[in-house]
Amino acid sequence: MEPVPVDVAVIGAGQAGLSAGYHLQRRGYVPLARAAAGEPAFVVLDANAGPGGAWQHRWRSLRMATVNGIHELPGFAVPPADPDASSRDVLPPYFAAYEQRFDLDVRRPVKVSAVRRADDDPRGRLIVQSDAGSWAARYVINATGTWTRPFWPHYPGQQRFRGRQLHVADYVSADEFAGERVVIVGAGISAIQLLDEISRVARTFWVTRREPDWSDEAFDIPARVAAIAGVEERVRRGLPPGSVIAVTGMHWTPWARAAQERGVLVRHPMFTAIEEDGVRMPDGSFVPADAILWATGFRAAVDHLAPLRLRTREGGYRVSDGRSIDEPRLFLIGYGPSQSTIGANRAGRAAVAAIVAERTPVVV
């Protein structure tokens, strides 16, 4: 079957993808299912079974009061919510209402397997292949985020451990660790949140590669903007984006303060090896453990872009202002400096503005 022609294909319907869809529609593009002949059309593809992006997969105990920095989607505010409500119960319905309000016609579940060039013409189309068909797009806006690619560091003896190892992406509830000894690895927001939570029912031991750089300033929107600016140069050079925390440092939050007050916010250096029943520390001491929780972040979910051969030797993509430097028909939003929710919104708007600026009038 021939690929369906479309002006813009948006891959992913999280914050960045929905922002792109909103701005495309505002600038005169029409969802493919409703586009008449000659109208510029777009399609939004999402691998999830339902709306909500990564929010539908986060642990149930993540409450609205402890969510780090919700920023509303463009044109539609997040409805008031009980601070004690689970983010999984509030945000996916908000995303669903957003899709319906703006009639974005998100197609799901559609798993994109590859994006490739149709031919050698730099003004030609990009072919988006999936398990639900293929599309030939003038532009591709990739907004696949990171949740599906949890990062697992490798340490000697990792396969020998007889206890349970899990990533934050697999976390369900502190109750599953009740009475156990849990090593928590990581220096980010999720690590601190889960350290506070798990330490209430289990014995915890917190390790990081570096001492966190704590800040007393609130982690507000200006701080986020600074973080976004801090990684722009990395992605322009094709380096892996790195984490926002590496730029901003760790900010004191209510859950971090709570953990500190209870005496569990005690950082230890990273272990050197994993053994059958625990971890070996740099000084040779042994720490017994029933479980190891890796709160070690995520990497960009961009394997489907491999046929374009854009990855640098350093492992990143060269991106400037949300656009691939080496393939101008491709935009990567929710990547690098646009990983935050406010950054994703801005990147969606900027990508659409760039596409509109280049749009060639249709000759009938």
Protein backbone atom coordinates (compact mmCIF):
# COMPACT_ATOMS: atom_id res chain seq x y z
CA MET A 1 0.00 0.00 0.00
CA GLU A 2 1.34 3.44 -0.94
CA PRO A 3 2.10 5.89 1.90
CA VAL A 4 -0.67 8.42 2.53
CA PRO A 5 0.54 11.93 1.60
CA VAL A 6 0.37 14.49 4.39
CA ASP A 7 2.00 17.84 4.98
CA VAL A 8 3.02 17.22 8.59
CA ALA A 9 3.23 14.02 10.62
CA VAL A 10 3.45 14.45 14.39
CA ILE A 11 4.80 11.41 16.23
CA GLY A 12 3.68 11.35 19.86
CA ALA A 13 0.71 12.88 21.67
CA GLY A 14 2.20 13.96 24.96
CA GLN A 15 2.69 17.60 25.92
CA ALA A 16 4.93 18.39 22.94
CA GLY A 17 2.87 16.54 20.33
CA LEU A 18 -0.45 18.03 21.40
CA SER A 19 1.10 21.49 21.47
CA ALA A 20 2.28 20.97 17.88
CA GLY A 21 -1.18 19.75 16.82
CA TYR A 22 -2.83 22.77 18.43
CA HIS A 23 -0.55 25.24 16.69
CA LEU A 24 -0.83 23.46 13.34
CA GLN A 25 -4.59 23.80 13.48
CA ARG A 26 -4.35 27.45 14.51
CA ARG A 27 -2.13 28.14 11.50
CA GLY A 28 -4.53 26.63 8.98
CA TYR A 29 -3.58 22.96 8.89
CA VAL A 30 -6.40 20.43 9.08
CA PRO A 31 -6.41 16.91 10.59
CA LEU A 32 -6.00 14.45 7.73
CA ALA A 33 -9.41 12.82 8.21
CA ARG A 34 -11.18 16.17 7.65
CA ALA A 35 -8.87 17.78 5.08
CA ALA A 36 -10.41 18.64 1.73
CA ALA A 37 -8.43 18.50 -1.50
CA GLY A 38 -5.79 21.24 -1.52
CA GLU A 39 -5.93 21.90 2.21
CA PRO A 40 -2.68 21.46 4.17
CA ALA A 41 -3.14 18.35 6.31
CA PHE A 42 -1.50 16.91 9.40
CA VAL A 43 -1.76 13.66 11.33
CA VAL A 44 -0.90 12.94 14.98
CA LEU A 45 0.25 9.39 15.75
CA ASP A 46 0.50 8.01 19.28
CA ALA A 47 1.74 4.63 20.49
CA ASN A 48 -0.34 4.66 23.68
CA ALA A 49 -3.76 3.06 23.89
CA GLY A 50 -5.24 6.21 25.41
CA PRO A 51 -4.55 9.92 25.97
CA GLY A 52 -2.23 11.22 28.66
CA GLY A 53 1.30 10.68 27.41
CA ALA A 54 3.67 9.50 30.13
CA TRP A 55 1.32 10.67 32.88
CA GLN A 56 -0.85 7.58 32.46
CA HIS A 57 2.14 5.37 33.34
CA ARG A 58 3.55 7.15 36.39
CA TRP A 59 3.17 5.64 39.83
CA ARG A 60 -0.21 6.10 41.49
CA SER A 61 1.24 7.68 44.63
CA LEU A 62 2.51 10.66 42.60
CA ARG A 63 0.05 13.29 43.81
CA MET A 64 -0.80 16.59 42.20
CA ALA A 65 0.84 18.33 45.16
CA THR A 66 4.15 16.58 44.45
CA VAL A 67 4.15 16.70 40.64
CA ASN A 68 7.16 18.73 39.59
CA GLY A 69 5.98 21.56 37.39
CA ILE A 70 2.77 20.98 35.48
CA HIS A 71 2.41 23.54 32.70
CA GLU A 72 -0.91 23.73 30.93
CA LEU A 73 -1.32 22.87 27.28
CA PRO A 74 -1.81 25.90 25.02
CA GLY A 75 -5.31 27.32 24.96
CA PHE A 76 -6.80 25.21 27.75
CA ALA A 77 -5.97 25.43 31.45
CA VAL A 78 -5.46 22.42 33.70
CA PRO A 79 -8.71 22.10 35.70
CA PRO A 80 -8.56 22.66 39.48
CA ALA A 81 -7.63 19.44 41.27
CA ASP A 82 -7.34 18.15 44.80
CA PRO A 83 -3.63 18.33 45.75
CA ASP A 84 -3.96 14.80 47.16
CA ALA A 85 -5.37 13.39 43.92
CA SER A 86 -3.16 11.03 41.94
CA SER A 87 -1.68 12.66 38.84
CA ARG A 88 -2.75 9.54 36.94
CA ASP A 89 -6.38 10.33 37.75
CA VAL A 90 -6.19 14.03 36.81
CA LEU A 91 -3.80 14.57 33.91
CA PRO A 92 -4.75 11.83 31.40
CA PRO A 93 -8.41 13.00 31.48
CA TYR A 94 -7.14 16.55 30.96
CA PHE A 95 -5.19 15.42 27.89
CA ALA A 96 -8.24 13.53 26.62
CA ALA A 97 -10.45 16.60 27.07
CA TYR A 98 -7.84 18.67 25.23
CA GLU A 99 -7.78 16.33 22.24
CA GLN A 100 -11.56 16.43 22.09
CA ARG A 101 -11.86 20.18 22.61
CA PHE A 102 -9.58 20.93 19.65
CA ASP A 103 -10.62 17.88 17.61
CA LEU A 104 -7.02 16.83 16.94
CA ASP A 105 -7.99 13.36 15.68
CA VAL A 106 -5.07 11.56 17.35
CA ARG A 107 -4.59 8.09 15.86
CA ARG A 108 -3.79 5.37 18.36
CA PRO A 109 -2.40 2.96 19.16
CA VAL A 110 0.05 3.52 16.31
CA LYS A 111 3.63 2.41 16.87
CA VAL A 112 6.05 4.10 14.49
CA SER A 113 8.86 1.76 13.51
CA ALA A 114 10.91 3.92 11.14
CA VAL A 115 11.27 7.32 9.52
CA ARG A 116 13.20 7.32 6.27
CA ARG A 117 13.74 9.51 3.22
CA ALA A 118 11.55 8.75 0.22
CA ASP A 119 14.44 9.53 -2.15
CA ASP A 120 17.57 11.67 -2.46
CA ASP A 121 15.66 14.87 -3.11
CA PRO A 122 16.25 17.16 -0.08
CA ARG A 123 12.87 18.75 -0.81
CA GLY A 124 11.13 15.39 -1.04
CA ARG A 125 9.12 13.62 1.61
CA LEU A 126 9.91 11.62 4.70
CA ILE A 127 8.22 8.23 4.97
CA VAL A 128 6.78 7.43 8.39
CA GLN A 129 6.28 3.68 8.75
CA SER A 130 4.15 2.11 11.46
CA ASP A 131 2.13 -0.94 12.40
CA ALA A 132 -0.97 0.91 11.16
CA GLY A 133 0.23 2.02 7.76
CA SER A 134 2.62 4.65 6.46
CA TRP A 135 2.55 8.36 5.62
CA ALA A 136 4.63 10.47 3.25
CA ALA A 137 5.20 13.78 5.03
CA ARG A 138 6.77 17.04 3.95
CA TYR A 139 7.76 17.54 7.58
CA VAL A 140 7.95 15.29 10.62
CA ILE A 141 7.60 16.62 14.15
CA ASN A 142 9.02 14.00 16.48
CA ALA A 143 7.57 14.30 19.99
CA THR A 144 8.15 10.84 21.44
CA GLY A 145 9.62 11.92 24.76
CA THR A 146 11.67 9.63 26.99
CA TRP A 147 9.38 7.49 29.17
CA THR A 148 9.70 4.36 27.04
CA ARG A 149 13.51 4.40 27.30
CA PRO A 150 14.51 4.10 30.98
CA PHE A 151 18.27 4.27 31.49
CA TRP A 152 19.89 1.39 33.38
CA PRO A 153 23.56 1.91 34.27
CA HIS A 154 25.79 -1.18 34.21
CA TYR A 155 27.80 -2.20 37.27
CA PRO A 156 29.94 -5.26 37.94
CA GLY A 157 27.94 -8.14 39.38
CA GLN A 158 24.58 -6.74 38.38
CA GLN A 159 23.35 -10.10 37.10
CA ARG A 160 24.34 -11.86 40.33
CA PHE A 161 21.98 -9.91 42.57
CA ARG A 162 19.35 -12.22 44.09
CA GLY A 163 16.98 -9.49 45.10
CA ARG A 164 14.76 -7.32 42.93
CA GLN A 165 16.03 -4.59 40.62
CA LEU A 166 13.60 -2.10 39.12
CA HIS A 167 13.62 1.27 37.43
CA VAL A 168 11.45 4.22 38.38
CA ALA A 169 9.44 3.41 35.24
CA ASP A 170 8.43 0.11 36.91
CA TYR A 171 7.62 1.55 40.33
CA VAL A 172 4.10 1.01 41.65
CA SER A 173 3.98 1.61 45.40
CA ALA A 174 6.15 1.77 48.50
CA ASP A 175 4.04 -1.02 50.00
CA GLU A 176 5.85 -3.62 47.90
CA PHE A 177 9.06 -2.82 49.85
CA ALA A 178 7.57 -2.92 53.35
CA GLY A 179 10.13 -4.22 55.84
CA GLU A 180 12.88 -4.55 53.22
CA ARG A 181 16.30 -2.99 52.74
CA VAL A 182 16.22 -0.82 49.62
CA VAL A 183 19.16 0.84 47.85
CA ILE A 184 17.97 3.88 45.91
CA VAL A 185 20.24 5.09 43.11
CA GLY A 186 19.99 8.58 41.63
CA ALA A 187 20.22 12.30 42.35
CA GLY A 188 17.10 13.59 40.61
CA ILE A 189 13.63 14.60 41.66
CA SER A 190 12.17 11.09 41.32
CA ALA A 191 14.92 9.63 43.51
CA ILE A 192 14.16 12.09 46.32
CA GLN A 193 10.41 11.64 46.05
CA LEU A 194 10.67 7.86 46.25
CA LEU A 195 13.32 7.97 48.96
CA ASP A 196 10.91 9.96 51.11
CA GLU A 197 8.04 7.58 50.29
CA ILE A 198 9.82 4.24 50.61
CA SER A 199 11.73 5.21 53.75
CA ARG A 200 8.43 5.35 55.62
CA VAL A 201 7.97 1.58 55.26
CA ALA A 202 11.49 0.26 54.62
CA ARG A 203 15.16 0.81 55.45
CA THR A 204 16.66 2.91 52.69
CA PHE A 205 20.24 3.57 51.56
CA TRP A 206 20.68 6.43 49.09
CA VAL A 207 23.62 6.53 46.66
CA THR A 208 24.61 8.98 43.93
CA ARG A 209 27.64 9.44 41.71
CA ARG A 210 28.02 13.05 42.84
CA GLU A 211 26.94 15.10 45.82
CA PRO A 212 23.71 16.89 44.81
CA ASP A 213 24.00 20.66 44.48
CA TRP A 214 21.11 21.85 46.63
CA SER A 215 19.45 25.22 46.07
CA ASP A 216 17.10 27.10 48.40
CA GLU A 217 15.46 28.90 45.48
CA ALA A 218 12.06 27.69 44.33
CA PHE A 219 12.12 25.55 41.18
CA ASP A 220 9.85 27.96 39.33
CA ILE A 221 9.38 28.81 35.67
CA PRO A 222 12.41 31.16 35.52
CA ALA A 223 14.56 28.33 36.86
CA ARG A 224 13.15 26.05 34.19
CA VAL A 225 13.88 28.59 31.48
CA ALA A 226 17.47 28.74 32.70
CA ALA A 227 17.67 24.95 32.54
CA ILE A 228 16.35 24.95 28.99
CA ALA A 229 18.98 27.49 27.95
CA GLY A 230 21.67 25.45 29.65
CA VAL A 231 21.35 22.44 27.34
CA GLU A 232 20.85 24.25 24.02
CA GLU A 233 24.55 24.32 23.23
CA ARG A 234 24.91 20.59 23.93
CA VAL A 235 22.26 19.55 21.43
CA ARG A 236 23.49 22.07 18.87
CA ARG A 237 26.82 20.24 18.99
CA GLY A 238 25.20 16.82 18.78
CA LEU A 239 25.98 15.82 22.36
CA PRO A 240 23.47 13.83 24.43
CA PRO A 241 21.19 16.40 26.09
CA GLY A 242 21.94 15.52 29.73
CA SER A 243 19.49 16.17 32.54
CA VAL A 244 17.81 19.38 33.64
CA ILE A 245 18.99 18.70 37.20
CA ALA A 246 22.61 18.79 36.04
CA VAL A 247 22.00 22.41 35.01
CA THR A 248 19.74 23.71 37.77
CA GLY A 249 20.88 21.64 40.74
CA MET A 250 18.40 20.11 43.19
CA HIS A 251 15.84 22.45 44.67
CA TRP A 252 14.45 21.96 48.14
CA THR A 253 10.90 20.69 47.88
CA PRO A 254 8.40 19.71 50.59
CA TRP A 255 9.20 16.01 50.15
CA ALA A 256 12.95 16.65 50.24
CA ARG A 257 12.55 18.63 53.44
CA ALA A 258 10.39 15.85 54.90
CA ALA A 259 13.04 13.25 54.12
CA GLN A 260 15.74 15.46 55.62
CA GLU A 261 13.75 16.03 58.81
CA ARG A 262 13.30 12.29 59.29
CA GLY A 263 17.02 11.71 58.84
CA VAL A 264 16.80 9.62 55.64
CA LEU A 265 18.25 12.19 53.23
CA VAL A 266 21.77 10.87 53.76
CA ARG A 267 23.76 10.61 50.56
CA HIS A 268 26.42 7.93 50.11
CA PRO A 269 28.92 7.58 47.25
CA MET A 270 28.09 5.20 44.42
CA PHE A 271 28.83 1.53 45.11
CA THR A 272 31.58 -0.14 43.10
CA ALA A 273 29.95 -3.53 42.58
CA ILE A 274 26.76 -5.49 43.11
CA GLU A 275 26.87 -8.83 44.87
CA GLU A 276 24.31 -11.55 45.50
CA ASP A 277 22.78 -9.94 48.57
CA GLY A 278 23.78 -6.30 48.41
CA VAL A 279 26.31 -3.76 47.19
CA ARG A 280 30.01 -3.22 47.81
CA MET A 281 31.03 0.34 48.72
CA PRO A 282 34.24 2.16 47.70
CA ASP A 283 35.71 1.72 51.19
CA GLY A 284 35.21 -2.04 50.97
CA SER A 285 32.20 -2.15 53.29
CA PHE A 286 29.13 -4.19 52.36
CA VAL A 287 25.55 -2.93 52.40
CA PRO A 288 22.90 -5.67 52.38
CA ALA A 289 19.87 -5.09 50.16
CA ASP A 290 16.63 -6.81 49.21
CA ALA A 291 15.99 -4.42 46.32
CA ILE A 292 17.76 -1.84 44.18
CA LEU A 293 15.68 0.99 42.74
CA TRP A 294 17.33 2.73 39.78
CA ALA A 295 16.11 6.35 39.65
CA THR A 296 18.62 7.02 36.90
CA GLY A 297 16.58 8.87 34.34
CA PHE A 298 15.57 8.26 30.76
CA ARG A 299 16.95 8.68 27.26
CA ALA A 300 15.23 10.07 24.18
CA ALA A 301 12.97 7.51 22.47
CA VAL A 302 14.25 8.06 18.93
CA ASP A 303 15.28 4.63 17.68
CA HIS A 304 12.76 4.91 14.84
CA LEU A 305 14.83 7.78 13.43
CA ALA A 306 17.83 5.50 12.85
CA PRO A 307 17.26 5.14 9.06
CA LEU A 308 17.93 8.87 8.71
CA ARG A 309 21.50 8.33 10.01
CA LEU A 310 21.54 11.53 12.03
CA ARG A 311 23.02 10.30 15.30
CA THR A 312 26.46 11.76 16.00
CA ARG A 313 29.48 9.81 17.22
CA GLU A 314 28.77 11.25 20.67
CA GLY A 315 25.30 9.70 20.65
CA GLY A 316 23.11 12.76 20.16
CA TYR A 317 21.35 14.64 17.40
CA ARG A 318 22.42 18.05 16.15
CA VAL A 319 19.43 20.27 16.88
CA SER A 320 18.96 24.03 16.83
CA ASP A 321 15.71 25.70 17.87
CA GLY A 322 14.00 22.31 17.88
CA ARG A 323 15.02 21.51 14.29
CA SER A 324 17.49 18.93 13.05
CA ILE A 325 20.51 20.69 11.62
CA ASP A 326 21.30 17.74 9.36
CA GLU A 327 17.71 17.00 8.21
CA PRO A 328 15.67 20.24 8.09
CA ARG A 329 12.43 18.37 7.40
CA LEU A 330 12.65 16.89 10.90
CA PHE A 331 11.84 18.65 14.17
CA LEU A 332 12.69 17.10 17.54
CA ILE A 333 10.56 18.60 20.30
CA GLY A 334 10.45 17.41 23.87
CA TYR A 335 14.14 16.72 23.23
CA GLY A 336 17.06 18.41 24.97
CA PRO A 337 16.16 21.99 25.88
CA SER A 338 12.44 21.32 25.32
CA GLN A 339 12.17 18.33 27.70
CA SER A 340 10.22 20.28 30.32
CA THR A 341 6.50 20.90 29.93
CA ILE A 342 6.92 24.63 29.32
CA GLY A 343 9.77 23.90 26.90
CA ALA A 344 7.62 21.39 25.01
CA ASN A 345 4.87 23.96 24.53
CA ARG A 346 7.27 26.53 23.16
CA ALA A 347 8.98 24.00 20.91
CA GLY A 348 5.66 22.92 19.41
CA ARG A 349 4.77 26.50 18.59
CA ALA A 350 8.23 27.25 17.17
CA ALA A 351 8.26 24.14 14.97
CA VAL A 352 4.91 25.04 13.45
CA ALA A 353 5.98 28.66 12.90
CA ALA A 354 9.05 27.44 10.99
CA ILE A 355 6.94 25.09 8.84
CA VAL A 356 4.38 27.78 8.06
CA ALA A 357 7.13 30.20 7.07
CA GLU A 358 8.27 27.74 4.40
CA ARG A 359 4.87 26.66 3.16
CA THR A 360 4.53 26.86 -0.59
CA PRO A 361 1.10 28.02 -1.77
CA VAL A 362 -0.89 25.22 -3.38
CA VAL A 363 -1.44 25.75 -7.11
CA VAL A 364 -4.86 24.48 -8.17
